[in-house]
Amino acid sequence: MSASTIETPISIARRVSGRTLKRALMVGIGRVLAERDPLNRINVFPVPDGDTGSNLAFTLASVREALLAVRGGNVQVILERVGSEAIDGARGNSGAILAQFLQGVSEGFAGQRHLALEQLAEASGRGSRQARQAIAEPREGTMLSVIQVFAQSLGLAREQG
């Protein structure tokens, strides 16, 4: 699947505040937590151990707790907190991959009060590369592929203006 074939029914905001970013992250985390069992069921490659949903939920639950403690906060504060908590709370391969992605995304936002689409696209590409480099034998058809397509989609949205 390539990023150019992805269609989304929503538009991507050109710029978001730290507050909006935090809310979006909380909603996304809530969705992963709610879909834990279906994610476990579709976890068949490369090892059909059925724990991807549980590992993502565990990892993101620690991120959620950290975000709940953040009062106010600009983009830099929120992303740094997300990256460090994901690393500290990572569980299993999928949690470690997600944590590396989030850590990569969090880098390079010193003093940023807002997050522009251009910055998010660049940061997601960086996070995708960091996650892939953290794996000794990366395989296509895994979370790495999903993360890569996500980053490519943001890059495409940036290019299309």
N, C-alpha and C. Protein backbone atom coordinates (compact mmCIF):
# COMPACT_ATOMS: atom_id res chain seq x y z
N MET A 1 0.85 -1.16 0.00
CA MET A 1 0.00 0.00 0.00
C MET A 1 0.90 1.23 0.00
N SER A 2 0.61 2.16 -0.88
CA SER A 2 1.41 3.38 -0.92
C SER A 2 0.60 4.54 -0.37
N ALA A 3 1.32 5.55 0.04
CA ALA A 3 0.65 6.71 0.62
C ALA A 3 -0.24 7.41 -0.41
N SER A 4 0.10 7.31 -1.68
CA SER A 4 -0.69 8.01 -2.70
C SER A 4 -2.06 7.39 -2.90
N THR A 5 -2.28 6.17 -2.42
CA THR A 5 -3.58 5.53 -2.58
C THR A 5 -4.48 5.71 -1.37
N ILE A 6 -3.98 6.36 -0.35
CA ILE A 6 -4.75 6.52 0.87
C ILE A 6 -5.67 7.73 0.75
N GLU A 7 -6.93 7.52 1.07
CA GLU A 7 -7.88 8.62 1.08
C GLU A 7 -8.38 8.78 2.51
N THR A 8 -8.60 10.00 2.90
CA THR A 8 -9.11 10.25 4.24
C THR A 8 -10.31 11.18 4.15
N PRO A 9 -11.36 10.89 4.91
CA PRO A 9 -12.55 11.73 4.85
C PRO A 9 -12.41 13.04 5.63
N ILE A 10 -11.29 13.20 6.31
CA ILE A 10 -11.11 14.43 7.08
C ILE A 10 -9.95 15.22 6.52
N SER A 11 -9.98 16.49 6.71
CA SER A 11 -8.85 17.31 6.28
C SER A 11 -7.85 17.37 7.43
N ILE A 12 -6.63 17.61 7.07
CA ILE A 12 -5.57 17.70 8.07
C ILE A 12 -5.34 19.17 8.36
N ALA A 13 -5.42 19.54 9.62
CA ALA A 13 -5.20 20.93 10.01
C ALA A 13 -3.77 21.33 9.67
N ARG A 14 -3.60 22.55 9.26
CA ARG A 14 -2.27 23.04 8.90
C ARG A 14 -1.41 23.31 10.14
N ARG A 15 -2.05 23.57 11.28
CA ARG A 15 -1.30 23.90 12.49
C ARG A 15 -2.18 23.63 13.70
N VAL A 16 -1.60 23.02 14.74
CA VAL A 16 -2.36 22.75 15.96
C VAL A 16 -1.58 23.24 17.17
N SER A 17 -2.32 23.55 18.21
CA SER A 17 -1.72 23.98 19.47
C SER A 17 -1.35 22.76 20.30
N GLY A 18 -0.61 22.99 21.37
CA GLY A 18 -0.29 21.90 22.29
C GLY A 18 -1.55 21.29 22.88
N ARG A 19 -2.51 22.13 23.19
CA ARG A 19 -3.78 21.65 23.76
C ARG A 19 -4.51 20.73 22.78
N THR A 20 -4.58 21.14 21.52
CA THR A 20 -5.25 20.33 20.51
C THR A 20 -4.48 19.03 20.27
N LEU A 21 -3.17 19.12 20.24
CA LEU A 21 -2.34 17.92 20.08
C LEU A 21 -2.59 16.94 21.20
N LYS A 22 -2.64 17.43 22.42
CA LYS A 22 -2.89 16.56 23.58
C LYS A 22 -4.24 15.88 23.45
N ARG A 23 -5.27 16.64 23.09
CA ARG A 23 -6.60 16.05 22.92
C ARG A 23 -6.60 14.98 21.83
N ALA A 24 -5.95 15.26 20.71
CA ALA A 24 -5.89 14.29 19.61
C ALA A 24 -5.17 13.02 20.05
N LEU A 25 -4.08 13.17 20.77
CA LEU A 25 -3.36 12.00 21.27
C LEU A 25 -4.22 11.19 22.23
N MET A 26 -4.94 11.86 23.10
CA MET A 26 -5.81 11.16 24.06
C MET A 26 -6.91 10.39 23.33
N VAL A 27 -7.50 10.99 22.31
CA VAL A 27 -8.53 10.29 21.53
C VAL A 27 -7.93 9.08 20.82
N GLY A 28 -6.77 9.26 20.21
CA GLY A 28 -6.12 8.15 19.52
C GLY A 28 -5.76 7.01 20.47
N ILE A 29 -5.24 7.36 21.62
CA ILE A 29 -4.91 6.35 22.63
C ILE A 29 -6.17 5.62 23.06
N GLY A 30 -7.23 6.35 23.27
CA GLY A 30 -8.51 5.73 23.65
C GLY A 30 -8.99 4.73 22.61
N ARG A 31 -8.80 5.06 21.34
CA ARG A 31 -9.20 4.13 20.27
C ARG A 31 -8.38 2.85 20.30
N VAL A 32 -7.08 2.98 20.49
CA VAL A 32 -6.23 1.78 20.56
C VAL A 32 -6.62 0.93 21.76
N LEU A 33 -6.86 1.57 22.90
CA LEU A 33 -7.26 0.81 24.09
C LEU A 33 -8.59 0.09 23.85
N ALA A 34 -9.52 0.75 23.17
CA ALA A 34 -10.82 0.15 22.89
C ALA A 34 -10.73 -0.99 21.89
N GLU A 35 -9.74 -0.94 21.02
CA GLU A 35 -9.59 -1.96 19.97
C GLU A 35 -8.51 -2.99 20.30
N ARG A 36 -8.15 -3.09 21.53
CA ARG A 36 -7.10 -4.01 21.97
C ARG A 36 -7.34 -5.45 21.50
N ASP A 37 -8.53 -5.98 21.76
CA ASP A 37 -8.81 -7.38 21.39
C ASP A 37 -8.82 -7.60 19.88
N PRO A 38 -9.47 -6.74 19.09
CA PRO A 38 -9.37 -6.92 17.64
C PRO A 38 -7.93 -6.84 17.13
N LEU A 39 -7.13 -5.96 17.71
CA LEU A 39 -5.72 -5.88 17.32
C LEU A 39 -4.99 -7.17 17.67
N ASN A 40 -5.30 -7.75 18.80
CA ASN A 40 -4.70 -9.04 19.16
C ASN A 40 -5.09 -10.12 18.15
N ARG A 41 -6.34 -10.11 17.72
CA ARG A 41 -6.81 -11.15 16.78
C ARG A 41 -6.16 -11.05 15.41
N ILE A 42 -5.86 -9.85 14.95
CA ILE A 42 -5.26 -9.73 13.61
C ILE A 42 -3.74 -9.86 13.65
N ASN A 43 -3.17 -10.03 14.81
CA ASN A 43 -1.72 -10.16 14.96
C ASN A 43 -1.30 -11.58 14.57
N VAL A 44 -0.98 -11.75 13.29
CA VAL A 44 -0.59 -13.08 12.81
C VAL A 44 0.78 -13.08 12.12
N PHE A 45 1.38 -11.92 11.93
CA PHE A 45 2.64 -11.85 11.19
C PHE A 45 3.56 -10.85 11.88
N PRO A 46 4.81 -11.09 12.03
CA PRO A 46 5.54 -12.28 11.61
C PRO A 46 5.39 -13.45 12.57
N VAL A 47 4.94 -13.18 13.79
CA VAL A 47 4.71 -14.25 14.77
C VAL A 47 3.26 -14.15 15.24
N PRO A 48 2.48 -15.22 15.10
CA PRO A 48 1.06 -15.16 15.50
C PRO A 48 0.87 -15.34 17.00
N ASP A 49 1.43 -14.41 17.77
CA ASP A 49 1.35 -14.54 19.23
C ASP A 49 0.18 -13.78 19.84
N GLY A 50 -0.57 -13.05 19.02
CA GLY A 50 -1.80 -12.41 19.49
C GLY A 50 -1.65 -11.42 20.62
N ASP A 51 -0.52 -10.69 20.66
CA ASP A 51 -0.33 -9.77 21.77
C ASP A 51 -0.10 -8.32 21.35
N THR A 52 -0.19 -8.03 20.07
CA THR A 52 0.07 -6.66 19.62
C THR A 52 -0.86 -5.65 20.28
N GLY A 53 -2.15 -5.94 20.31
CA GLY A 53 -3.10 -5.03 20.94
C GLY A 53 -2.80 -4.81 22.41
N SER A 54 -2.49 -5.88 23.10
CA SER A 54 -2.17 -5.77 24.53
C SER A 54 -0.90 -4.96 24.76
N ASN A 55 0.12 -5.21 23.93
CA ASN A 55 1.38 -4.49 24.09
C ASN A 55 1.22 -3.00 23.75
N LEU A 56 0.47 -2.70 22.70
CA LEU A 56 0.22 -1.30 22.37
C LEU A 56 -0.59 -0.62 23.47
N ALA A 57 -1.60 -1.33 23.98
CA ALA A 57 -2.44 -0.77 25.04
C ALA A 57 -1.61 -0.49 26.29
N PHE A 58 -0.77 -1.42 26.67
CA PHE A 58 0.07 -1.23 27.85
C PHE A 58 1.00 -0.03 27.67
N THR A 59 1.64 0.03 26.50
CA THR A 59 2.57 1.13 26.21
C THR A 59 1.85 2.47 26.22
N LEU A 60 0.71 2.53 25.55
CA LEU A 60 -0.02 3.79 25.44
C LEU A 60 -0.73 4.18 26.73
N ALA A 61 -1.05 3.22 27.58
CA ALA A 61 -1.65 3.55 28.87
C ALA A 61 -0.68 4.38 29.71
N SER A 62 0.61 4.06 29.63
CA SER A 62 1.59 4.86 30.38
C SER A 62 1.71 6.26 29.78
N VAL A 63 1.61 6.35 28.46
CA VAL A 63 1.63 7.66 27.81
C VAL A 63 0.41 8.47 28.23
N ARG A 64 -0.75 7.83 28.26
CA ARG A 64 -1.98 8.51 28.66
C ARG A 64 -1.87 9.06 30.08
N GLU A 65 -1.36 8.25 30.99
CA GLU A 65 -1.21 8.72 32.37
C GLU A 65 -0.30 9.94 32.45
N ALA A 66 0.77 9.92 31.68
CA ALA A 66 1.69 11.07 31.67
C ALA A 66 1.01 12.30 31.08
N LEU A 67 0.23 12.12 30.02
CA LEU A 67 -0.47 13.25 29.41
C LEU A 67 -1.51 13.84 30.35
N LEU A 68 -2.17 12.99 31.12
CA LEU A 68 -3.16 13.49 32.07
C LEU A 68 -2.52 14.42 33.11
N ALA A 69 -1.26 14.18 33.40
CA ALA A 69 -0.56 14.99 34.40
C ALA A 69 -0.06 16.32 33.83
N VAL A 70 -0.03 16.44 32.49
CA VAL A 70 0.45 17.68 31.86
C VAL A 70 -0.66 18.72 31.90
N ARG A 71 -0.38 19.83 32.54
CA ARG A 71 -1.33 20.95 32.59
C ARG A 71 -0.83 22.02 31.64
N GLY A 72 -1.65 22.38 30.69
CA GLY A 72 -1.19 23.34 29.69
C GLY A 72 -0.17 22.66 28.81
N GLY A 73 0.92 23.31 28.60
CA GLY A 73 2.01 22.70 27.85
C GLY A 73 1.99 23.05 26.38
N ASN A 74 3.16 23.32 25.88
CA ASN A 74 3.28 23.57 24.45
C ASN A 74 3.59 22.26 23.74
N VAL A 75 3.73 22.33 22.45
CA VAL A 75 3.98 21.14 21.64
C VAL A 75 5.24 20.42 22.10
N GLN A 76 6.30 21.18 22.37
CA GLN A 76 7.55 20.57 22.81
C GLN A 76 7.35 19.75 24.08
N VAL A 77 6.72 20.33 25.08
CA VAL A 77 6.51 19.64 26.36
C VAL A 77 5.70 18.36 26.15
N ILE A 78 4.65 18.45 25.38
CA ILE A 78 3.77 17.29 25.17
C ILE A 78 4.50 16.19 24.41
N LEU A 79 5.17 16.54 23.32
CA LEU A 79 5.85 15.50 22.53
C LEU A 79 7.01 14.88 23.28
N GLU A 80 7.76 15.68 24.02
CA GLU A 80 8.85 15.11 24.82
C GLU A 80 8.31 14.14 25.86
N ARG A 81 7.21 14.50 26.48
CA ARG A 81 6.60 13.63 27.49
C ARG A 81 6.12 12.33 26.85
N VAL A 82 5.47 12.44 25.69
CA VAL A 82 4.99 11.26 24.97
C VAL A 82 6.15 10.35 24.62
N GLY A 83 7.21 10.91 24.05
CA GLY A 83 8.36 10.10 23.65
C GLY A 83 9.02 9.40 24.81
N SER A 84 9.26 10.12 25.90
CA SER A 84 9.96 9.51 27.04
C SER A 84 9.08 8.48 27.74
N GLU A 85 7.80 8.76 27.90
CA GLU A 85 6.90 7.80 28.56
C GLU A 85 6.70 6.55 27.72
N ALA A 86 6.66 6.71 26.41
CA ALA A 86 6.52 5.54 25.54
C ALA A 86 7.75 4.64 25.68
N ILE A 87 8.92 5.24 25.70
CA ILE A 87 10.16 4.45 25.87
C ILE A 87 10.14 3.75 27.22
N ASP A 88 9.81 4.49 28.28
CA ASP A 88 9.81 3.91 29.63
C ASP A 88 8.74 2.83 29.79
N GLY A 89 7.60 3.00 29.14
CA GLY A 89 6.48 2.07 29.33
C GLY A 89 6.32 1.04 28.24
N ALA A 90 7.26 0.98 27.30
CA ALA A 90 7.12 0.06 26.16
C ALA A 90 7.07 -1.39 26.62
N ARG A 91 6.18 -2.13 25.98
CA ARG A 91 6.05 -3.56 26.28
C ARG A 91 5.96 -4.33 24.98
N GLY A 92 6.75 -5.38 24.86
CA GLY A 92 6.74 -6.22 23.68
C GLY A 92 7.33 -5.53 22.46
N ASN A 93 7.42 -6.28 21.36
CA ASN A 93 7.99 -5.73 20.13
C ASN A 93 7.17 -4.57 19.60
N SER A 94 5.86 -4.72 19.57
CA SER A 94 5.03 -3.65 19.01
C SER A 94 5.12 -2.39 19.87
N GLY A 95 5.17 -2.55 21.17
CA GLY A 95 5.32 -1.39 22.05
C GLY A 95 6.67 -0.72 21.86
N ALA A 96 7.71 -1.52 21.68
CA ALA A 96 9.05 -0.96 21.46
C ALA A 96 9.13 -0.23 20.12
N ILE A 97 8.50 -0.78 19.10
CA ILE A 97 8.48 -0.12 17.78
C ILE A 97 7.73 1.21 17.88
N LEU A 98 6.56 1.19 18.50
CA LEU A 98 5.79 2.42 18.67
C LEU A 98 6.57 3.44 19.48
N ALA A 99 7.23 2.99 20.53
CA ALA A 99 8.00 3.90 21.38
C ALA A 99 9.14 4.56 20.60
N GLN A 100 9.83 3.78 19.77
CA GLN A 100 10.91 4.35 18.96
C GLN A 100 10.36 5.38 17.98
N PHE A 101 9.20 5.08 17.39
CA PHE A 101 8.56 6.03 16.48
C PHE A 101 8.22 7.32 17.22
N LEU A 102 7.56 7.20 18.36
CA LEU A 102 7.15 8.38 19.12
C LEU A 102 8.35 9.18 19.62
N GLN A 103 9.41 8.49 20.00
CA GLN A 103 10.63 9.18 20.43
C GLN A 103 11.20 9.97 19.26
N GLY A 104 11.25 9.36 18.09
CA GLY A 104 11.75 10.06 16.90
C GLY A 104 10.90 11.26 16.54
N VAL A 105 9.59 11.12 16.67
CA VAL A 105 8.68 12.24 16.39
C VAL A 105 8.94 13.38 17.36
N SER A 106 9.24 13.06 18.60
CA SER A 106 9.34 14.09 19.65
C SER A 106 10.58 14.97 19.54
N GLU A 107 11.55 14.57 18.76
CA GLU A 107 12.80 15.32 18.69
C GLU A 107 12.67 16.55 17.79
N GLY A 108 13.28 17.62 18.19
CA GLY A 108 13.37 18.80 17.34
C GLY A 108 12.25 19.82 17.45
N PHE A 109 11.61 19.91 18.60
CA PHE A 109 10.53 20.88 18.75
C PHE A 109 10.80 21.89 19.86
N ALA A 110 12.03 22.24 20.09
CA ALA A 110 12.40 23.15 21.17
C ALA A 110 11.61 24.46 21.08
N GLY A 111 10.90 24.76 22.15
CA GLY A 111 10.17 26.01 22.25
C GLY A 111 8.93 26.14 21.38
N GLN A 112 8.54 25.09 20.71
CA GLN A 112 7.39 25.16 19.80
C GLN A 112 6.09 25.19 20.56
N ARG A 113 5.29 26.21 20.31
CA ARG A 113 3.97 26.30 20.92
C ARG A 113 2.92 25.65 20.02
N HIS A 114 3.19 25.63 18.73
CA HIS A 114 2.26 25.04 17.76
C HIS A 114 3.01 24.03 16.90
N LEU A 115 2.24 23.14 16.32
CA LEU A 115 2.81 22.12 15.45
C LEU A 115 2.20 22.30 14.07
N ALA A 116 3.04 22.56 13.09
CA ALA A 116 2.58 22.73 11.72
C ALA A 116 2.63 21.37 11.01
N LEU A 117 1.78 21.22 10.00
CA LEU A 117 1.74 19.99 9.22
C LEU A 117 3.11 19.65 8.66
N GLU A 118 3.83 20.65 8.21
CA GLU A 118 5.16 20.41 7.64
C GLU A 118 6.09 19.78 8.69
N GLN A 119 6.02 20.29 9.91
CA GLN A 119 6.84 19.76 10.99
C GLN A 119 6.42 18.34 11.35
N LEU A 120 5.12 18.10 11.40
CA LEU A 120 4.62 16.77 11.74
C LEU A 120 5.03 15.76 10.68
N ALA A 121 4.96 16.15 9.41
CA ALA A 121 5.36 15.25 8.33
C ALA A 121 6.84 14.90 8.46
N GLU A 122 7.67 15.91 8.69
CA GLU A 122 9.10 15.67 8.85
C GLU A 122 9.39 14.81 10.08
N ALA A 123 8.73 15.12 11.19
CA ALA A 123 8.93 14.37 12.43
C ALA A 123 8.47 12.93 12.30
N SER A 124 7.37 12.71 11.60
CA SER A 124 6.87 11.34 11.40
C SER A 124 7.82 10.53 10.54
N GLY A 125 8.39 11.17 9.53
CA GLY A 125 9.40 10.49 8.72
C GLY A 125 10.61 10.10 9.56
N ARG A 126 11.03 11.02 10.42
CA ARG A 126 12.16 10.76 11.33
C ARG A 126 11.82 9.61 12.28
N GLY A 127 10.60 9.64 12.83
CA GLY A 127 10.18 8.58 13.73
C GLY A 127 10.10 7.23 13.04
N SER A 128 9.62 7.23 11.81
CA SER A 128 9.53 5.99 11.03
C SER A 128 10.92 5.40 10.81
N ARG A 129 11.86 6.25 10.42
CA ARG A 129 13.23 5.77 10.20
C ARG A 129 13.85 5.26 11.50
N GLN A 130 13.61 5.97 12.60
CA GLN A 130 14.16 5.56 13.89
C GLN A 130 13.60 4.21 14.32
N ALA A 131 12.30 4.02 14.13
CA ALA A 131 11.69 2.73 14.50
C ALA A 131 12.28 1.60 13.67
N ARG A 132 12.43 1.83 12.38
CA ARG A 132 12.97 0.80 11.48
C ARG A 132 14.42 0.47 11.85
N GLN A 133 15.21 1.48 12.15
CA GLN A 133 16.61 1.27 12.50
C GLN A 133 16.78 0.54 13.82
N ALA A 134 15.78 0.61 14.68
CA ALA A 134 15.86 -0.03 15.99
C ALA A 134 15.63 -1.54 15.92
N ILE A 135 15.17 -2.02 14.77
CA ILE A 135 14.85 -3.44 14.61
C ILE A 135 15.98 -4.13 13.86
N ALA A 136 16.47 -5.23 14.42
CA ALA A 136 17.59 -5.95 13.82
C ALA A 136 17.24 -6.48 12.43
N GLU A 137 16.06 -7.06 12.30
CA GLU A 137 15.62 -7.61 11.01
C GLU A 137 14.22 -7.09 10.69
N PRO A 138 14.12 -5.85 10.18
CA PRO A 138 12.80 -5.29 9.89
C PRO A 138 12.07 -6.10 8.82
N ARG A 139 10.77 -6.27 9.00
CA ARG A 139 9.95 -7.03 8.06
C ARG A 139 8.80 -6.17 7.58
N GLU A 140 8.49 -6.28 6.30
CA GLU A 140 7.34 -5.58 5.75
C GLU A 140 6.07 -6.31 6.17
N GLY A 141 4.97 -5.59 6.18
CA GLY A 141 3.70 -6.18 6.60
C GLY A 141 3.50 -6.15 8.10
N THR A 142 4.32 -5.37 8.77
CA THR A 142 4.25 -5.25 10.23
C THR A 142 3.91 -3.81 10.60
N MET A 143 3.98 -3.50 11.86
CA MET A 143 3.76 -2.12 12.32
C MET A 143 4.70 -1.15 11.63
N LEU A 144 5.89 -1.60 11.29
CA LEU A 144 6.83 -0.73 10.60
C LEU A 144 6.24 -0.22 9.29
N SER A 145 5.54 -1.10 8.59
CA SER A 145 4.91 -0.71 7.32
C SER A 145 3.79 0.30 7.56
N VAL A 146 2.99 0.06 8.58
CA VAL A 146 1.89 0.98 8.91
C VAL A 146 2.45 2.36 9.25
N ILE A 147 3.48 2.39 10.06
CA ILE A 147 4.09 3.66 10.46
C ILE A 147 4.68 4.37 9.24
N GLN A 148 5.32 3.62 8.36
CA GLN A 148 5.91 4.22 7.17
C GLN A 148 4.84 4.84 6.26
N VAL A 149 3.74 4.13 6.06
CA VAL A 149 2.66 4.66 5.22
C VAL A 149 2.04 5.90 5.87
N PHE A 150 1.90 5.88 7.19
CA PHE A 150 1.40 7.06 7.90
C PHE A 150 2.29 8.26 7.63
N ALA A 151 3.60 8.07 7.78
CA ALA A 151 4.55 9.16 7.56
C ALA A 151 4.50 9.63 6.11
N GLN A 152 4.41 8.70 5.17
CA GLN A 152 4.33 9.06 3.76
C GLN A 152 3.05 9.84 3.47
N SER A 153 1.96 9.46 4.10
CA SER A 153 0.69 10.15 3.90
C SER A 153 0.76 11.60 4.37
N LEU A 154 1.42 11.82 5.49
CA LEU A 154 1.59 13.19 5.97
C LEU A 154 2.48 13.98 5.01
N GLY A 155 3.50 13.33 4.48
CA GLY A 155 4.36 13.99 3.50
C GLY A 155 3.59 14.37 2.25
N LEU A 156 2.71 13.49 1.81
CA LEU A 156 1.87 13.78 0.65
C LEU A 156 0.92 14.94 0.93
N ALA A 157 0.32 14.95 2.11
CA ALA A 157 -0.59 16.04 2.48
C ALA A 157 0.17 17.37 2.51
N ARG A 158 1.39 17.33 2.99
CA ARG A 158 2.21 18.54 3.02
C ARG A 158 2.48 19.04 1.61
N GLU A 159 2.83 18.12 0.71
CA GLU A 159 3.12 18.49 -0.68
C GLU A 159 1.90 19.03 -1.41
N GLN A 160 0.74 18.48 -1.10
CA GLN A 160 -0.48 18.88 -1.79
C GLN A 160 -1.05 20.18 -1.25
N GLY A 161 -0.49 20.63 -0.11
CA GLY A 161 -0.90 21.91 0.46
C GLY A 161 -2.28 21.87 0.99
